[in-house]
Amino acid sequence: MRKILMGLLALTILLSAGSAFAKLDGTWEGEGKGFCYPPFPTPYAYQIYAWQKWTGEVADEKVFFGKWEDEKGNYGEFKGEILPISPSPDIAICKGVWTWYNIFIDPPKAIEMGPFTMTFYIEKEYCEGKWWSYSAETARPGTMWGKRVGE
């Protein structure tokens, strides 16, 4: 009898987590702060304000991808994987990489700039994260935050 009760409890927890993650899918957008420098040979004084404005999609509760841009005309993309383990059924964590398009060459070329993490608070429909640059001149990570805006 005890094994049956434990099995039912595990099933209940699993189903409630699945229903929460179903709310994760859809469109998310937000803003960010921080800057970094592009890799050599781009001019050193040129700053990229990555994730200043961003829009992304969560698909199949497994992947988070989208685009970012800043007010200087820089832009790029990001893509990450939603991790299968989280500290709570209401939280999803994504880890991935982001790119910047080198606009100083024609045609612009995507360059991988560094990793990012995003934590989704599913019930609150809010997210926050950090991004890093491979650039040695960037000591601090940038930050970003956003909200769910559609399915």
C-alpha atoms as a PDB file:
ATOM      1  CA  MET A   1       0.000   0.000   0.000  1.00  0.00           C
ATOM      2  CA  ARG A   2       2.832   2.372   0.865  1.00  0.00           C
ATOM      3  CA  LYS A   3       4.444   1.842  -2.582  1.00  0.00           C
ATOM      4  CA  ILE A   4       1.157   2.722  -4.277  1.00  0.00           C
ATOM      5  CA  LEU A   5       0.816   5.941  -2.259  1.00  0.00           C
ATOM      6  CA  MET A   6       4.405   6.934  -3.009  1.00  0.00           C
ATOM      7  CA  GLY A   7       3.828   6.242  -6.698  1.00  0.00           C
ATOM      8  CA  LEU A   8       0.668   8.374  -6.731  1.00  0.00           C
ATOM      9  CA  LEU A   9       2.504  11.195  -4.946  1.00  0.00           C
ATOM     10  CA  ALA A  10       5.332  11.098  -7.498  1.00  0.00           C
ATOM     11  CA  LEU A  11       2.823  11.092 -10.354  1.00  0.00           C
ATOM     12  CA  THR A  12       0.971  14.081  -8.877  1.00  0.00           C
ATOM     13  CA  ILE A  13       4.201  16.052  -8.548  1.00  0.00           C
ATOM     14  CA  LEU A  14       5.233  15.174 -12.090  1.00  0.00           C
ATOM     15  CA  LEU A  15       1.862  16.193 -13.559  1.00  0.00           C
ATOM     16  CA  SER A  16       1.786  19.497 -11.676  1.00  0.00           C
ATOM     17  CA  ALA A  17       5.294  20.325 -12.894  1.00  0.00           C
ATOM     18  CA  GLY A  18       4.290  19.504 -16.451  1.00  0.00           C
ATOM     19  CA  SER A  19       1.282  21.821 -16.326  1.00  0.00           C
ATOM     20  CA  ALA A  20       3.450  24.670 -15.000  1.00  0.00           C
ATOM     21  CA  PHE A  21       6.024  24.162 -17.747  1.00  0.00           C
ATOM     22  CA  ALA A  22       3.258  24.306 -20.350  1.00  0.00           C
ATOM     23  CA  LYS A  23       2.905  27.993 -19.420  1.00  0.00           C
ATOM     24  CA  LEU A  24       6.561  28.483 -20.295  1.00  0.00           C
ATOM     25  CA  ASP A  25       6.040  28.132 -24.052  1.00  0.00           C
ATOM     26  CA  GLY A  26       5.423  31.357 -25.929  1.00  0.00           C
ATOM     27  CA  THR A  27       6.898  34.786 -26.541  1.00  0.00           C
ATOM     28  CA  TRP A  28       9.019  36.577 -23.966  1.00  0.00           C
ATOM     29  CA  GLU A  29      10.558  40.032 -24.254  1.00  0.00           C
ATOM     30  CA  GLY A  30      12.548  42.401 -22.153  1.00  0.00           C
ATOM     31  CA  GLU A  31      15.534  44.651 -21.644  1.00  0.00           C
ATOM     32  CA  GLY A  32      19.083  44.398 -20.409  1.00  0.00           C
ATOM     33  CA  LYS A  33      22.061  46.325 -19.099  1.00  0.00           C
ATOM     34  CA  GLY A  34      25.775  46.002 -19.523  1.00  0.00           C
ATOM     35  CA  PHE A  35      28.274  46.296 -22.326  1.00  0.00           C
ATOM     36  CA  CYS A  36      31.210  44.488 -23.819  1.00  0.00           C
ATOM     37  CA  TYR A  37      33.725  44.952 -26.610  1.00  0.00           C
ATOM     38  CA  PRO A  38      33.761  43.042 -29.861  1.00  0.00           C
ATOM     39  CA  PRO A  39      36.651  40.717 -30.616  1.00  0.00           C
ATOM     40  CA  PHE A  40      39.789  41.855 -32.448  1.00  0.00           C
ATOM     41  CA  PRO A  41      40.176  43.463 -35.021  1.00  0.00           C
ATOM     42  CA  THR A  42      37.068  45.582 -34.377  1.00  0.00           C
ATOM     43  CA  PRO A  43      37.975  49.026 -32.954  1.00  0.00           C
ATOM     44  CA  TYR A  44      38.635  48.702 -29.215  1.00  0.00           C
ATOM     45  CA  ALA A  45      36.589  51.762 -28.229  1.00  0.00           C
ATOM     46  CA  TYR A  46      33.456  50.338 -29.839  1.00  0.00           C
ATOM     47  CA  GLN A  47      30.979  49.122 -27.218  1.00  0.00           C
ATOM     48  CA  ILE A  48      28.164  46.603 -27.673  1.00  0.00           C
ATOM     49  CA  TYR A  49      25.167  46.968 -25.357  1.00  0.00           C
ATOM     50  CA  ALA A  50      24.039  43.373 -25.736  1.00  0.00           C
ATOM     51  CA  TRP A  51      20.506  42.384 -24.741  1.00  0.00           C
ATOM     52  CA  GLN A  52      19.467  46.071 -24.408  1.00  0.00           C
ATOM     53  CA  LYS A  53      16.176  45.106 -26.058  1.00  0.00           C
ATOM     54  CA  TRP A  54      15.345  41.451 -26.740  1.00  0.00           C
ATOM     55  CA  THR A  55      12.534  39.146 -27.881  1.00  0.00           C
ATOM     56  CA  GLY A  56      12.565  35.372 -27.593  1.00  0.00           C
ATOM     57  CA  GLU A  57      10.477  32.245 -27.898  1.00  0.00           C
ATOM     58  CA  VAL A  58      10.293  29.190 -25.694  1.00  0.00           C
ATOM     59  CA  ALA A  59       9.329  26.157 -27.787  1.00  0.00           C
ATOM     60  CA  ASP A  60       8.350  22.682 -26.601  1.00  0.00           C
ATOM     61  CA  GLU A  61       9.506  23.623 -23.084  1.00  0.00           C
ATOM     62  CA  LYS A  62      13.013  22.726 -24.295  1.00  0.00           C
ATOM     63  CA  VAL A  63      14.579  25.611 -26.190  1.00  0.00           C
ATOM     64  CA  PHE A  64      14.759  29.405 -25.803  1.00  0.00           C
ATOM     65  CA  PHE A  65      15.844  31.408 -28.842  1.00  0.00           C
ATOM     66  CA  GLY A  66      15.516  34.911 -30.182  1.00  0.00           C
ATOM     67  CA  LYS A  67      17.107  38.213 -31.139  1.00  0.00           C
ATOM     68  CA  TRP A  68      18.509  41.233 -29.368  1.00  0.00           C
ATOM     69  CA  GLU A  69      19.470  44.762 -30.438  1.00  0.00           C
ATOM     70  CA  ASP A  70      20.832  47.971 -28.965  1.00  0.00           C
ATOM     71  CA  GLU A  71      20.336  51.663 -29.713  1.00  0.00           C
ATOM     72  CA  LYS A  72      23.672  51.861 -31.582  1.00  0.00           C
ATOM     73  CA  GLY A  73      22.516  49.457 -34.307  1.00  0.00           C
ATOM     74  CA  ASN A  74      24.183  46.335 -32.939  1.00  0.00           C
ATOM     75  CA  TYR A  75      22.160  43.155 -33.049  1.00  0.00           C
ATOM     76  CA  GLY A  76      22.491  39.450 -32.567  1.00  0.00           C
ATOM     77  CA  GLU A  77      20.786  36.217 -31.663  1.00  0.00           C
ATOM     78  CA  PHE A  78      20.675  33.792 -28.760  1.00  0.00           C
ATOM     79  CA  LYS A  79      19.771  30.168 -28.287  1.00  0.00           C
ATOM     80  CA  GLY A  80      19.714  27.998 -25.193  1.00  0.00           C
ATOM     81  CA  GLU A  81      18.416  24.785 -23.735  1.00  0.00           C
ATOM     82  CA  ILE A  82      15.842  24.630 -20.939  1.00  0.00           C
ATOM     83  CA  LEU A  83      17.422  22.379 -18.318  1.00  0.00           C
ATOM     84  CA  PRO A  84      15.367  19.337 -17.262  1.00  0.00           C
ATOM     85  CA  ILE A  85      16.114  19.908 -13.558  1.00  0.00           C
ATOM     86  CA  SER A  86      15.129  23.021 -11.627  1.00  0.00           C
ATOM     87  CA  PRO A  87      14.972  24.031  -7.946  1.00  0.00           C
ATOM     88  CA  SER A  88      11.153  24.281  -8.091  1.00  0.00           C
ATOM     89  CA  PRO A  89       8.288  23.232 -10.380  1.00  0.00           C
ATOM     90  CA  ASP A  90       7.595  26.954 -10.912  1.00  0.00           C
ATOM     91  CA  ILE A  91      11.139  27.729 -12.110  1.00  0.00           C
ATOM     92  CA  ALA A  92      12.821  26.864 -15.407  1.00  0.00           C
ATOM     93  CA  ILE A  93      16.486  27.537 -16.088  1.00  0.00           C
ATOM     94  CA  CYS A  94      18.001  28.035 -19.524  1.00  0.00           C
ATOM     95  CA  LYS A  95      21.684  28.027 -20.481  1.00  0.00           C
ATOM     96  CA  GLY A  96      22.939  28.994 -23.903  1.00  0.00           C
ATOM     97  CA  VAL A  97      25.119  31.233 -26.044  1.00  0.00           C
ATOM     98  CA  TRP A  98      24.576  34.595 -27.708  1.00  0.00           C
ATOM     99  CA  THR A  99      25.984  36.082 -30.889  1.00  0.00           C
ATOM    100  CA  TRP A 100      26.710  39.540 -32.274  1.00  0.00           C
ATOM    101  CA  TYR A 101      26.613  40.364 -35.966  1.00  0.00           C
ATOM    102  CA  ASN A 102      29.805  42.163 -37.000  1.00  0.00           C
ATOM    103  CA  ILE A 103      28.334  45.122 -38.876  1.00  0.00           C
ATOM    104  CA  PHE A 104      31.780  46.376 -39.910  1.00  0.00           C
ATOM    105  CA  ILE A 105      32.027  43.792 -42.694  1.00  0.00           C
ATOM    106  CA  ASP A 106      29.751  43.201 -45.663  1.00  0.00           C
ATOM    107  CA  PRO A 107      27.752  41.064 -45.325  1.00  0.00           C
ATOM    108  CA  PRO A 108      27.569  41.141 -41.515  1.00  0.00           C
ATOM    109  CA  LYS A 109      28.853  37.932 -39.895  1.00  0.00           C
ATOM    110  CA  ALA A 110      27.542  36.246 -36.729  1.00  0.00           C
ATOM    111  CA  ILE A 111      30.205  35.897 -34.040  1.00  0.00           C
ATOM    112  CA  GLU A 112      29.665  33.869 -30.874  1.00  0.00           C
ATOM    113  CA  MET A 113      30.241  36.285 -28.005  1.00  0.00           C
ATOM    114  CA  GLY A 114      29.625  34.291 -24.823  1.00  0.00           C
ATOM    115  CA  PRO A 115      27.266  32.332 -22.598  1.00  0.00           C
ATOM    116  CA  PHE A 116      24.038  33.372 -20.918  1.00  0.00           C
ATOM    117  CA  THR A 117      21.638  32.006 -18.326  1.00  0.00           C
ATOM    118  CA  MET A 118      17.966  32.871 -17.941  1.00  0.00           C
ATOM    119  CA  THR A 119      15.713  31.929 -15.044  1.00  0.00           C
ATOM    120  CA  PHE A 120      11.996  31.810 -15.811  1.00  0.00           C
ATOM    121  CA  TYR A 121       9.506  32.257 -12.967  1.00  0.00           C
ATOM    122  CA  ILE A 122       6.661  30.511 -14.740  1.00  0.00           C
ATOM    123  CA  GLU A 123       3.646  31.416 -12.598  1.00  0.00           C
ATOM    124  CA  LYS A 124       4.730  35.075 -12.367  1.00  0.00           C
ATOM    125  CA  GLU A 125       5.470  35.115 -16.133  1.00  0.00           C
ATOM    126  CA  TYR A 126       8.736  36.921 -15.369  1.00  0.00           C
ATOM    127  CA  CYS A 127      12.358  36.095 -16.190  1.00  0.00           C
ATOM    128  CA  GLU A 128      15.814  37.385 -15.327  1.00  0.00           C
ATOM    129  CA  GLY A 129      19.296  36.421 -16.323  1.00  0.00           C
ATOM    130  CA  LYS A 130      22.946  37.194 -16.913  1.00  0.00           C
ATOM    131  CA  TRP A 131      25.157  37.264 -19.974  1.00  0.00           C
ATOM    132  CA  TRP A 132      28.924  37.129 -20.248  1.00  0.00           C
ATOM    133  CA  SER A 133      31.377  38.006 -22.984  1.00  0.00           C
ATOM    134  CA  TYR A 134      34.457  36.067 -23.995  1.00  0.00           C
ATOM    135  CA  SER A 135      36.160  39.485 -24.258  1.00  0.00           C
ATOM    136  CA  ALA A 136      38.942  39.806 -21.673  1.00  0.00           C
ATOM    137  CA  GLU A 137      38.064  43.474 -21.111  1.00  0.00           C
ATOM    138  CA  THR A 138      34.605  42.621 -19.727  1.00  0.00           C
ATOM    139  CA  ALA A 139      34.947  41.742 -16.051  1.00  0.00           C
ATOM    140  CA  ARG A 140      31.287  41.915 -15.035  1.00  0.00           C
ATOM    141  CA  PRO A 141      28.332  40.085 -16.533  1.00  0.00           C
ATOM    142  CA  GLY A 142      25.459  41.984 -18.075  1.00  0.00           C
ATOM    143  CA  THR A 143      21.930  41.465 -16.828  1.00  0.00           C
ATOM    144  CA  MET A 144      18.563  41.070 -18.494  1.00  0.00           C
ATOM    145  CA  TRP A 145      14.951  40.717 -17.434  1.00  0.00           C
ATOM    146  CA  GLY A 146      11.627  40.338 -19.132  1.00  0.00           C
ATOM    147  CA  LYS A 147       8.116  38.979 -19.154  1.00  0.00           C
ATOM    148  CA  ARG A 148       5.905  36.635 -21.088  1.00  0.00           C
ATOM    149  CA  VAL A 149       3.927  38.563 -23.703  1.00  0.00           C
ATOM    150  CA  GLY A 150       2.130  35.879 -25.702  1.00  0.00           C
ATOM    151  CA  GLU A 151       1.682  32.281 -26.669  1.00  0.00           C
END
